[in-house]
């Protein structure tokens, strides 16, 4: 598939990476950081995976489908964790994660 065919996926991955990075940083500022540990950990995993899959898609890697499948799993896990927290940054991150998971599933 050409880079243009992956554009929707690329956009969702980039949005999710940014949301996870913002959530990660905001969680570190929360009063009870220890309570946010799982959220922080998954934000990092998700942001890193989204960034990698975005790069793979832009270079037309032959492994985009497989990587997108793994990324969907990570995005869903991150979204489910973020959804547990009432913080605005967590809710926005969860939304971006679920949107990205759907885009990844379509690509996979």
PDB file of N, CA and C in Angstrom:
ATOM      1  N   UNK A   1       0.836  -1.184   0.000  1.00  0.00           N
ATOM      2  CA  UNK A   1       0.000   0.000   0.000  1.00  0.00           C
ATOM      3  C   UNK A   1       0.884   1.252   0.000  1.00  0.00           C
ATOM      4  N   UNK A   2       0.440   2.215  -0.675  1.00  0.00           N
ATOM      5  CA  UNK A   2       1.180   3.468  -0.737  1.00  0.00           C
ATOM      6  C   UNK A   2       0.884   4.314   0.493  1.00  0.00           C
ATOM      7  N   UNK A   3       1.773   5.260   0.737  1.00  0.00           N
ATOM      8  CA  UNK A   3       1.659   6.164   1.882  1.00  0.00           C
ATOM      9  C   UNK A   3       0.285   6.833   1.936  1.00  0.00           C
ATOM     10  N   UNK A   4      -0.246   7.245   0.805  1.00  0.00           N
ATOM     11  CA  UNK A   4      -1.536   7.919   0.758  1.00  0.00           C
ATOM     12  C   UNK A   4      -2.669   7.009   1.243  1.00  0.00           C
ATOM     13  N   UNK A   5      -2.544   5.727   0.984  1.00  0.00           N
ATOM     14  CA  UNK A   5      -3.570   4.785   1.419  1.00  0.00           C
ATOM     15  C   UNK A   5      -3.595   4.640   2.945  1.00  0.00           C
ATOM     16  N   UNK A   6      -2.493   4.984   3.571  1.00  0.00           N
ATOM     17  CA  UNK A   6      -2.390   4.880   5.031  1.00  0.00           C
ATOM     18  C   UNK A   6      -2.686   6.194   5.737  1.00  0.00           C
ATOM     19  N   UNK A   7      -3.096   7.228   5.014  1.00  0.00           N
ATOM     20  CA  UNK A   7      -3.199   8.558   5.610  1.00  0.00           C
ATOM     21  C   UNK A   7      -4.146   8.619   6.803  1.00  0.00           C
ATOM     22  N   UNK A   8      -5.300   7.968   6.727  1.00  0.00           N
ATOM     23  CA  UNK A   8      -6.232   7.971   7.858  1.00  0.00           C
ATOM     24  C   UNK A   8      -5.585   7.303   9.075  1.00  0.00           C
ATOM     25  N   UNK A   9      -4.892   6.203   8.837  1.00  0.00           N
ATOM     26  CA  UNK A   9      -4.187   5.503   9.910  1.00  0.00           C
ATOM     27  C   UNK A   9      -3.098   6.401  10.492  1.00  0.00           C
ATOM     28  N   UNK A  10      -2.319   7.021   9.634  1.00  0.00           N
ATOM     29  CA  UNK A  10      -1.225   7.899  10.070  1.00  0.00           C
ATOM     30  C   UNK A  10      -1.767   9.036  10.934  1.00  0.00           C
ATOM     31  N   UNK A  11      -2.857   9.638  10.501  1.00  0.00           N
ATOM     32  CA  UNK A  11      -3.453  10.734  11.267  1.00  0.00           C
ATOM     33  C   UNK A  11      -3.918  10.265  12.646  1.00  0.00           C
ATOM     34  N   UNK A  12      -4.568   9.123  12.702  1.00  0.00           N
ATOM     35  CA  UNK A  12      -5.057   8.588  13.983  1.00  0.00           C
ATOM     36  C   UNK A  12      -3.897   8.221  14.902  1.00  0.00           C
ATOM     37  N   UNK A  13      -2.847   7.633  14.335  1.00  0.00           N
ATOM     38  CA  UNK A  13      -1.666   7.274  15.125  1.00  0.00           C
ATOM     39  C   UNK A  13      -1.005   8.511  15.716  1.00  0.00           C
ATOM     40  N   UNK A  14      -0.878   9.547  14.899  1.00  0.00           N
ATOM     41  CA  UNK A  14      -0.220  10.770  15.364  1.00  0.00           C
ATOM     42  C   UNK A  14      -1.047  11.444  16.466  1.00  0.00           C
ATOM     43  N   UNK A  15      -2.352  11.512  16.259  1.00  0.00           N
ATOM     44  CA  UNK A  15      -3.243  12.106  17.261  1.00  0.00           C
ATOM     45  C   UNK A  15      -3.167  11.330  18.579  1.00  0.00           C
ATOM     46  N   UNK A  16      -3.139  10.021  18.485  1.00  0.00           N
ATOM     47  CA  UNK A  16      -3.080   9.177  19.676  1.00  0.00           C
ATOM     48  C   UNK A  16      -1.741   9.356  20.393  1.00  0.00           C
ATOM     49  N   UNK A  17      -0.657   9.386  19.634  1.00  0.00           N
ATOM     50  CA  UNK A  17       0.658   9.583  20.231  1.00  0.00           C
ATOM     51  C   UNK A  17       0.699  10.901  21.001  1.00  0.00           C
ATOM     52  N   UNK A  18       0.175  11.964  20.390  1.00  0.00           N
ATOM     53  CA  UNK A  18       0.166  13.267  21.053  1.00  0.00           C
ATOM     54  C   UNK A  18      -0.699  13.240  22.316  1.00  0.00           C
ATOM     55  N   UNK A  19      -1.861  12.613  22.235  1.00  0.00           N
ATOM     56  CA  UNK A  19      -2.762  12.529  23.394  1.00  0.00           C
ATOM     57  C   UNK A  19      -2.110  11.735  24.527  1.00  0.00           C
ATOM     58  N   UNK A  20      -1.454  10.636  24.183  1.00  0.00           N
ATOM     59  CA  UNK A  20      -0.785   9.813  25.199  1.00  0.00           C
ATOM     60  C   UNK A  20       0.385  10.564  25.831  1.00  0.00           C
ATOM     61  N   UNK A  21       1.148  11.286  25.025  1.00  0.00           N
ATOM     62  CA  UNK A  21       2.255  12.064  25.582  1.00  0.00           C
ATOM     63  C   UNK A  21       1.736  13.151  26.515  1.00  0.00           C
ATOM     64  N   UNK A  22       0.640  13.803  26.127  1.00  0.00           N
ATOM     65  CA  UNK A  22       0.055  14.834  26.982  1.00  0.00           C
ATOM     66  C   UNK A  22      -0.471  14.206  28.280  1.00  0.00           C
ATOM     67  N   UNK A  23      -1.150  13.096  28.165  1.00  0.00           N
ATOM     68  CA  UNK A  23      -1.710  12.411  29.333  1.00  0.00           C
ATOM     69  C   UNK A  23      -0.584  11.958  30.265  1.00  0.00           C
ATOM     70  N   UNK A  24       0.468  11.393  29.701  1.00  0.00           N
ATOM     71  CA  UNK A  24       1.633  10.952  30.467  1.00  0.00           C
ATOM     72  C   UNK A  24       2.176  12.109  31.307  1.00  0.00           C
ATOM     73  N   UNK A  25       2.393  13.249  30.653  1.00  0.00           N
ATOM     74  CA  UNK A  25       2.944  14.417  31.328  1.00  0.00           C
ATOM     75  C   UNK A  25       1.980  14.938  32.394  1.00  0.00           C
ATOM     76  N   UNK A  26       0.696  15.001  32.059  1.00  0.00           N
ATOM     77  CA  UNK A  26      -0.303  15.495  33.005  1.00  0.00           C
ATOM     78  C   UNK A  26      -0.455  14.547  34.200  1.00  0.00           C
ATOM     79  N   UNK A  27      -0.395  13.254  33.957  1.00  0.00           N
ATOM     80  CA  UNK A  27      -0.495  12.273  35.058  1.00  0.00           C
ATOM     81  C   UNK A  27       0.652  12.443  36.045  1.00  0.00           C
ATOM     82  N   UNK A  28       1.824  12.777  35.529  1.00  0.00           N
ATOM     83  CA  UNK A  28       2.976  12.984  36.411  1.00  0.00           C
ATOM     84  C   UNK A  28       2.779  14.199  37.324  1.00  0.00           C
ATOM     85  N   UNK A  29       1.867  15.098  36.946  1.00  0.00           N
ATOM     86  CA  UNK A  29       1.593  16.299  37.743  1.00  0.00           C
ATOM     87  C   UNK A  29       0.454  16.082  38.748  1.00  0.00           C
ATOM     88  N   UNK A  30      -0.215  14.944  38.658  1.00  0.00           N
ATOM     89  CA  UNK A  30      -1.339  14.681  39.555  1.00  0.00           C
ATOM     90  C   UNK A  30      -0.851  14.500  40.996  1.00  0.00           C
ATOM     91  N   UNK A  31      -1.749  14.791  41.932  1.00  0.00           N
ATOM     92  CA  UNK A  31      -1.403  14.720  43.349  1.00  0.00           C
ATOM     93  C   UNK A  31      -0.985  13.308  43.758  1.00  0.00           C
ATOM     94  N   UNK A  32      -1.747  12.310  43.332  1.00  0.00           N
ATOM     95  CA  UNK A  32      -1.442  10.913  43.679  1.00  0.00           C
ATOM     96  C   UNK A  32      -0.855  10.212  42.458  1.00  0.00           C
ATOM     97  N   UNK A  33       0.412  10.461  42.197  1.00  0.00           N
ATOM     98  CA  UNK A  33       1.077   9.901  41.017  1.00  0.00           C
ATOM     99  C   UNK A  33       1.095   8.373  41.065  1.00  0.00           C
ATOM    100  N   UNK A  34       1.246   7.817  42.262  1.00  0.00           N
ATOM    101  CA  UNK A  34       1.293   6.363  42.392  1.00  0.00           C
ATOM    102  C   UNK A  34       0.001   5.713  41.888  1.00  0.00           C
ATOM    103  N   UNK A  35      -1.135   6.390  42.145  1.00  0.00           N
ATOM    104  CA  UNK A  35      -2.425   5.877  41.667  1.00  0.00           C
ATOM    105  C   UNK A  35      -2.477   5.888  40.134  1.00  0.00           C
ATOM    106  N   UNK A  36      -1.683   6.766  39.513  1.00  0.00           N
ATOM    107  CA  UNK A  36      -1.687   6.921  38.060  1.00  0.00           C
ATOM    108  C   UNK A  36      -0.629   6.047  37.373  1.00  0.00           C
ATOM    109  N   UNK A  37       0.061   5.211  38.112  1.00  0.00           N
ATOM    110  CA  UNK A  37       1.194   4.445  37.575  1.00  0.00           C
ATOM    111  C   UNK A  37       0.824   3.611  36.344  1.00  0.00           C
ATOM    112  N   UNK A  38      -0.291   2.890  36.391  1.00  0.00           N
ATOM    113  CA  UNK A  38      -0.676   2.064  35.242  1.00  0.00           C
ATOM    114  C   UNK A  38      -1.019   2.931  34.035  1.00  0.00           C
ATOM    115  N   UNK A  39      -1.656   4.063  34.287  1.00  0.00           N
ATOM    116  CA  UNK A  39      -2.002   4.983  33.204  1.00  0.00           C
ATOM    117  C   UNK A  39      -0.721   5.532  32.563  1.00  0.00           C
ATOM    118  N   UNK A  40       0.209   5.952  33.395  1.00  0.00           N
ATOM    119  CA  UNK A  40       1.478   6.490  32.905  1.00  0.00           C
ATOM    120  C   UNK A  40       2.219   5.440  32.076  1.00  0.00           C
ATOM    121  N   UNK A  41       2.286   4.233  32.599  1.00  0.00           N
ATOM    122  CA  UNK A  41       2.996   3.149  31.908  1.00  0.00           C
ATOM    123  C   UNK A  41       2.364   2.863  30.540  1.00  0.00           C
ATOM    124  N   UNK A  42       1.044   2.776  30.500  1.00  0.00           N
ATOM    125  CA  UNK A  42       0.367   2.489  29.235  1.00  0.00           C
ATOM    126  C   UNK A  42       0.429   3.675  28.271  1.00  0.00           C
ATOM    127  N   UNK A  43       0.401   4.894  28.809  1.00  0.00           N
ATOM    128  CA  UNK A  43       0.590   6.067  27.938  1.00  0.00           C
ATOM    129  C   UNK A  43       1.915   5.961  27.190  1.00  0.00           C
ATOM    130  N   UNK A  44       2.965   5.589  27.890  1.00  0.00           N
ATOM    131  CA  UNK A  44       4.294   5.474  27.269  1.00  0.00           C
ATOM    132  C   UNK A  44       4.294   4.359  26.219  1.00  0.00           C
ATOM    133  N   UNK A  45       3.769   3.206  26.578  1.00  0.00           N
ATOM    134  CA  UNK A  45       3.722   2.076  25.642  1.00  0.00           C
ATOM    135  C   UNK A  45       2.961   2.461  24.383  1.00  0.00           C
ATOM    136  N   UNK A  46       1.812   3.082  24.572  1.00  0.00           N
ATOM    137  CA  UNK A  46       0.945   3.422  23.460  1.00  0.00           C
ATOM    138  C   UNK A  46       1.582   4.497  22.578  1.00  0.00           C
ATOM    139  N   UNK A  47       2.116   5.547  23.195  1.00  0.00           N
ATOM    140  CA  UNK A  47       2.748   6.620  22.415  1.00  0.00           C
ATOM    141  C   UNK A  47       3.917   6.078  21.597  1.00  0.00           C
ATOM    142  N   UNK A  48       4.723   5.238  22.214  1.00  0.00           N
ATOM    143  CA  UNK A  48       5.881   4.682  21.502  1.00  0.00           C
ATOM    144  C   UNK A  48       5.452   3.793  20.342  1.00  0.00           C
ATOM    145  N   UNK A  49       4.451   2.959  20.574  1.00  0.00           N
ATOM    146  CA  UNK A  49       3.980   2.056  19.518  1.00  0.00           C
ATOM    147  C   UNK A  49       3.332   2.843  18.387  1.00  0.00           C
ATOM    148  N   UNK A  50       2.529   3.836  18.731  1.00  0.00           N
ATOM    149  CA  UNK A  50       1.899   4.655  17.692  1.00  0.00           C
ATOM    150  C   UNK A  50       2.946   5.366  16.850  1.00  0.00           C
ATOM    151  N   UNK A  51       3.969   5.897  17.497  1.00  0.00           N
ATOM    152  CA  UNK A  51       5.040   6.585  16.764  1.00  0.00           C
ATOM    153  C   UNK A  51       5.750   5.617  15.822  1.00  0.00           C
ATOM    154  N   UNK A  52       5.993   4.399  16.294  1.00  0.00           N
ATOM    155  CA  UNK A  52       6.673   3.419  15.456  1.00  0.00           C
ATOM    156  C   UNK A  52       5.809   3.009  14.257  1.00  0.00           C
ATOM    157  N   UNK A  53       4.543   2.734  14.518  1.00  0.00           N
ATOM    158  CA  UNK A  53       3.653   2.313  13.426  1.00  0.00           C
ATOM    159  C   UNK A  53       3.454   3.465  12.436  1.00  0.00           C
ATOM    160  N   UNK A  54       3.397   4.695  12.936  1.00  0.00           N
ATOM    161  CA  UNK A  54       3.298   5.844  12.042  1.00  0.00           C
ATOM    162  C   UNK A  54       4.512   5.887  11.102  1.00  0.00           C
ATOM    163  N   UNK A  55       5.688   5.681  11.654  1.00  0.00           N
ATOM    164  CA  UNK A  55       6.897   5.661  10.825  1.00  0.00           C
ATOM    165  C   UNK A  55       6.842   4.520   9.815  1.00  0.00           C
ATOM    166  N   UNK A  56       6.414   3.359  10.278  1.00  0.00           N
ATOM    167  CA  UNK A  56       6.332   2.199   9.391  1.00  0.00           C
ATOM    168  C   UNK A  56       5.369   2.462   8.237  1.00  0.00           C
ATOM    169  N   UNK A  57       4.248   3.101   8.548  1.00  0.00           N
ATOM    170  CA  UNK A  57       3.256   3.384   7.508  1.00  0.00           C
ATOM    171  C   UNK A  57       3.778   4.414   6.514  1.00  0.00           C
ATOM    172  N   UNK A  58       4.504   5.417   7.000  1.00  0.00           N
ATOM    173  CA  UNK A  58       5.000   6.447   6.092  1.00  0.00           C
ATOM    174  C   UNK A  58       6.109   5.930   5.185  1.00  0.00           C
ATOM    175  N   UNK A  59       6.778   4.860   5.602  1.00  0.00           N
ATOM    176  CA  UNK A  59       7.821   4.285   4.732  1.00  0.00           C
ATOM    177  C   UNK A  59       7.323   3.047   3.991  1.00  0.00           C
ATOM    178  N   UNK A  60       5.998   2.812   4.083  1.00  0.00           N
ATOM    179  CA  UNK A  60       5.370   1.701   3.381  1.00  0.00           C
ATOM    180  C   UNK A  60       5.986   0.349   3.749  1.00  0.00           C
ATOM    181  N   UNK A  61       6.171   0.149   5.034  1.00  0.00           N
ATOM    182  CA  UNK A  61       6.717  -1.109   5.537  1.00  0.00           C
ATOM    183  C   UNK A  61       5.808  -2.269   5.148  1.00  0.00           C
ATOM    184  N   UNK A  62       6.396  -3.415   4.816  1.00  0.00           N
ATOM    185  CA  UNK A  62       5.564  -4.581   4.503  1.00  0.00           C
ATOM    186  C   UNK A  62       4.896  -5.182   5.752  1.00  0.00           C
ATOM    187  N   UNK A  63       5.210  -4.644   6.927  1.00  0.00           N
ATOM    188  CA  UNK A  63       4.675  -5.187   8.176  1.00  0.00           C
ATOM    189  C   UNK A  63       3.591  -4.309   8.804  1.00  0.00           C
ATOM    190  N   UNK A  64       3.074  -3.342   8.051  1.00  0.00           N
ATOM    191  CA  UNK A  64       2.079  -2.418   8.599  1.00  0.00           C
ATOM    192  C   UNK A  64       0.871  -3.170   9.158  1.00  0.00           C
ATOM    193  N   UNK A  65       0.381  -4.147   8.455  1.00  0.00           N
ATOM    194  CA  UNK A  65      -0.806  -4.881   8.926  1.00  0.00           C
ATOM    195  C   UNK A  65      -0.548  -5.550  10.271  1.00  0.00           C
ATOM    196  N   UNK A  66       0.579  -6.216  10.395  1.00  0.00           N
ATOM    197  CA  UNK A  66       0.911  -6.906  11.649  1.00  0.00           C
ATOM    198  C   UNK A  66       1.129  -5.909  12.783  1.00  0.00           C
ATOM    199  N   UNK A  67       1.856  -4.836  12.496  1.00  0.00           N
ATOM    200  CA  UNK A  67       2.125  -3.816  13.509  1.00  0.00           C
ATOM    201  C   UNK A  67       0.839  -3.122  13.933  1.00  0.00           C
ATOM    202  N   UNK A  68      -0.047  -2.863  12.986  1.00  0.00           N
ATOM    203  CA  UNK A  68      -1.316  -2.220  13.300  1.00  0.00           C
ATOM    204  C   UNK A  68      -2.157  -3.107  14.223  1.00  0.00           C
ATOM    205  N   UNK A  69      -2.092  -4.399  14.032  1.00  0.00           N
ATOM    206  CA  UNK A  69      -2.827  -5.315  14.909  1.00  0.00           C
ATOM    207  C   UNK A  69      -2.344  -5.241  16.349  1.00  0.00           C
ATOM    208  N   UNK A  70      -1.036  -5.222  16.528  1.00  0.00           N
ATOM    209  CA  UNK A  70      -0.456  -5.101  17.871  1.00  0.00           C
ATOM    210  C   UNK A  70      -0.787  -3.726  18.448  1.00  0.00           C
ATOM    211  N   UNK A  71      -0.693  -2.705  17.630  1.00  0.00           N
ATOM    212  CA  UNK A  71      -0.976  -1.345  18.080  1.00  0.00           C
ATOM    213  C   UNK A  71      -2.426  -1.222  18.540  1.00  0.00           C
ATOM    214  N   UNK A  72      -3.355  -1.851  17.852  1.00  0.00           N
ATOM    215  CA  UNK A  72      -4.766  -1.807  18.254  1.00  0.00           C
ATOM    216  C   UNK A  72      -4.938  -2.376  19.661  1.00  0.00           C
ATOM    217  N   UNK A  73      -4.255  -3.457  19.955  1.00  0.00           N
ATOM    218  CA  UNK A  73      -4.330  -4.079  21.281  1.00  0.00           C
ATOM    219  C   UNK A  73      -3.811  -3.126  22.356  1.00  0.00           C
ATOM    220  N   UNK A  74      -2.685  -2.474  22.082  1.00  0.00           N
ATOM    221  CA  UNK A  74      -2.084  -1.548  23.043  1.00  0.00           C
ATOM    222  C   UNK A  74      -2.965  -0.316  23.216  1.00  0.00           C
ATOM    223  N   UNK A  75      -3.497   0.211  22.109  1.00  0.00           N
ATOM    224  CA  UNK A  75      -4.376   1.375  22.188  1.00  0.00           C
ATOM    225  C   UNK A  75      -5.617   1.070  23.017  1.00  0.00           C
ATOM    226  N   UNK A  76      -6.192  -0.095  22.837  1.00  0.00           N
ATOM    227  CA  UNK A  76      -7.375  -0.463  23.620  1.00  0.00           C
ATOM    228  C   UNK A  76      -7.044  -0.581  25.098  1.00  0.00           C
ATOM    229  N   UNK A  77      -5.895  -1.174  25.410  1.00  0.00           N
ATOM    230  CA  UNK A  77      -5.481  -1.300  26.812  1.00  0.00           C
ATOM    231  C   UNK A  77      -5.280   0.074  27.440  1.00  0.00           C
ATOM    232  N   UNK A  78      -4.641   0.970  26.718  1.00  0.00           N
ATOM    233  CA  UNK A  78      -4.409   2.324  27.215  1.00  0.00           C
ATOM    234  C   UNK A  78      -5.739   3.065  27.367  1.00  0.00           C
ATOM    235  N   UNK A  79      -6.598   2.958  26.382  1.00  0.00           N
ATOM    236  CA  UNK A  79      -7.898   3.604  26.446  1.00  0.00           C
ATOM    237  C   UNK A  79      -8.726   3.107  27.615  1.00  0.00           C
ATOM    238  N   UNK A  80      -8.696   1.808  27.844  1.00  0.00           N
ATOM    239  CA  UNK A  80      -9.448   1.243  28.966  1.00  0.00           C
ATOM    240  C   UNK A  80      -8.919   1.743  30.310  1.00  0.00           C
ATOM    241  N   UNK A  81      -7.609   1.874  30.434  1.00  0.00           N
ATOM    242  CA  UNK A  81      -7.027   2.386  31.678  1.00  0.00           C
ATOM    243  C   UNK A  81      -7.349   3.862  31.851  1.00  0.00           C
ATOM    244  N   UNK A  82      -7.174   4.644  30.799  1.00  0.00           N
ATOM    245  CA  UNK A  82      -7.439   6.078  30.899  1.00  0.00           C
ATOM    246  C   UNK A  82      -8.908   6.357  31.219  1.00  0.00           C
ATOM    247  N   UNK A  83      -9.783   5.549  30.679  1.00  0.00           N
ATOM    248  CA  UNK A  83     -11.225   5.723  30.890  1.00  0.00           C
ATOM    249  C   UNK A  83     -11.600   5.589  32.372  1.00  0.00           C
ATOM    250  N   UNK A  84     -10.771   4.897  33.153  1.00  0.00           N
ATOM    251  CA  UNK A  84     -11.043   4.710  34.586  1.00  0.00           C
ATOM    252  C   UNK A  84     -10.868   5.993  35.391  1.00  0.00           C
ATOM    253  N   UNK A  85     -10.157   6.975  34.817  1.00  0.00           N
ATOM    254  CA  UNK A  85      -9.818   8.193  35.551  1.00  0.00           C
ATOM    255  C   UNK A  85     -10.666   9.361  35.061  1.00  0.00           C
ATOM    256  N   UNK A  86     -11.089  10.200  35.994  1.00  0.00           N
ATOM    257  CA  UNK A  86     -11.974  11.312  35.669  1.00  0.00           C
ATOM    258  C   UNK A  86     -11.264  12.520  35.081  1.00  0.00           C
ATOM    259  N   UNK A  87      -9.956  12.547  35.131  1.00  0.00           N
ATOM    260  CA  UNK A  87      -9.199  13.694  34.630  1.00  0.00           C
ATOM    261  C   UNK A  87      -9.501  13.911  33.148  1.00  0.00           C
ATOM    262  N   UNK A  88      -9.630  15.178  32.777  1.00  0.00           N
ATOM    263  CA  UNK A  88      -9.927  15.536  31.393  1.00  0.00           C
ATOM    264  C   UNK A  88      -8.875  14.967  30.431  1.00  0.00           C
ATOM    265  N   UNK A  89      -7.610  15.050  30.814  1.00  0.00           N
ATOM    266  CA  UNK A  89      -6.554  14.543  29.933  1.00  0.00           C
ATOM    267  C   UNK A  89      -6.665  13.040  29.733  1.00  0.00           C
ATOM    268  N   UNK A  90      -7.108  12.333  30.746  1.00  0.00           N
ATOM    269  CA  UNK A  90      -7.284  10.878  30.610  1.00  0.00           C
ATOM    270  C   UNK A  90      -8.472  10.560  29.697  1.00  0.00           C
ATOM    271  N   UNK A  91      -9.555  11.298  29.847  1.00  0.00           N
ATOM    272  CA  UNK A  91     -10.730  11.069  29.012  1.00  0.00           C
ATOM    273  C   UNK A  91     -10.440  11.370  27.545  1.00  0.00           C
ATOM    274  N   UNK A  92      -9.720  12.459  27.285  1.00  0.00           N
ATOM    275  CA  UNK A  92      -9.350  12.793  25.909  1.00  0.00           C
ATOM    276  C   UNK A  92      -8.390  11.760  25.337  1.00  0.00           C
ATOM    277  N   UNK A  93      -7.493  11.266  26.168  1.00  0.00           N
ATOM    278  CA  UNK A  93      -6.555  10.237  25.726  1.00  0.00           C
ATOM    279  C   UNK A  93      -7.307   8.948  25.383  1.00  0.00           C
ATOM    280  N   UNK A  94      -8.248   8.565  26.229  1.00  0.00           N
ATOM    281  CA  UNK A  94      -9.034   7.356  25.971  1.00  0.00           C
ATOM    282  C   UNK A  94      -9.754   7.464  24.632  1.00  0.00           C
ATOM    283  N   UNK A  95     -10.327   8.624  24.366  1.00  0.00           N
ATOM    284  CA  UNK A  95     -11.031   8.848  23.106  1.00  0.00           C
ATOM    285  C   UNK A  95     -10.084   8.674  21.909  1.00  0.00           C
ATOM    286  N   UNK A  96      -8.902   9.261  22.003  1.00  0.00           N
ATOM    287  CA  UNK A  96      -7.921   9.149  20.920  1.00  0.00           C
ATOM    288  C   UNK A  96      -7.445   7.704  20.768  1.00  0.00           C
ATOM    289  N   UNK A  97      -7.280   7.015  21.883  1.00  0.00           N
ATOM    290  CA  UNK A  97      -6.830   5.617  21.839  1.00  0.00           C
ATOM    291  C   UNK A  97      -7.849   4.718  21.145  1.00  0.00           C
ATOM    292  N   UNK A  98      -9.125   4.897  21.486  1.00  0.00           N
ATOM    293  CA  UNK A  98     -10.156   4.058  20.868  1.00  0.00           C
ATOM    294  C   UNK A  98     -10.309   4.369  19.381  1.00  0.00           C
ATOM    295  N   UNK A  99     -10.185   5.626  19.023  1.00  0.00           N
ATOM    296  CA  UNK A  99     -10.234   6.016  17.604  1.00  0.00           C
ATOM    297  C   UNK A  99      -9.066   5.384  16.849  1.00  0.00           C
ATOM    298  N   UNK A 100      -7.897   5.423  17.458  1.00  0.00           N
ATOM    299  CA  UNK A 100      -6.712   4.843  16.827  1.00  0.00           C
ATOM    300  C   UNK A 100      -6.829   3.313  16.738  1.00  0.00           C
ATOM    301  N   UNK A 101      -7.353   2.710  17.782  1.00  0.00           N
ATOM    302  CA  UNK A 101      -7.525   1.250  17.768  1.00  0.00           C
ATOM    303  C   UNK A 101      -8.408   0.840  16.587  1.00  0.00           C
ATOM    304  N   UNK A 102      -9.470   1.597  16.324  1.00  0.00           N
ATOM    305  CA  UNK A 102     -10.349   1.288  15.198  1.00  0.00           C
ATOM    306  C   UNK A 102      -9.621   1.442  13.862  1.00  0.00           C
ATOM    307  N   UNK A 103      -8.846   2.519  13.732  1.00  0.00           N
ATOM    308  CA  UNK A 103      -8.076   2.732  12.499  1.00  0.00           C
ATOM    309  C   UNK A 103      -7.057   1.607  12.304  1.00  0.00           C
ATOM    310  N   UNK A 104      -6.450   1.184  13.391  1.00  0.00           N
ATOM    311  CA  UNK A 104      -5.467   0.091  13.319  1.00  0.00           C
ATOM    312  C   UNK A 104      -6.139  -1.226  12.919  1.00  0.00           C
ATOM    313  N   UNK A 105      -7.317  -1.486  13.482  1.00  0.00           N
ATOM    314  CA  UNK A 105      -8.045  -2.711  13.133  1.00  0.00           C
ATOM    315  C   UNK A 105      -8.396  -2.724  11.654  1.00  0.00           C
ATOM    316  N   UNK A 106      -8.795  -1.569  11.122  1.00  0.00           N
ATOM    317  CA  UNK A 106      -9.121  -1.485   9.697  1.00  0.00           C
ATOM    318  C   UNK A 106      -7.885  -1.754   8.843  1.00  0.00           C
ATOM    319  N   UNK A 107      -6.733  -1.260   9.295  1.00  0.00           N
ATOM    320  CA  UNK A 107      -5.490  -1.467   8.547  1.00  0.00           C
ATOM    321  C   UNK A 107      -5.003  -2.897   8.648  1.00  0.00           C
ATOM    322  N   UNK A 108      -5.313  -3.531   9.790  1.00  0.00           N
ATOM    323  CA  UNK A 108      -4.869  -4.914  10.000  1.00  0.00           C
ATOM    324  C   UNK A 108      -5.790  -5.857   9.241  1.00  0.00           C
TER     325      UNK A 108
END
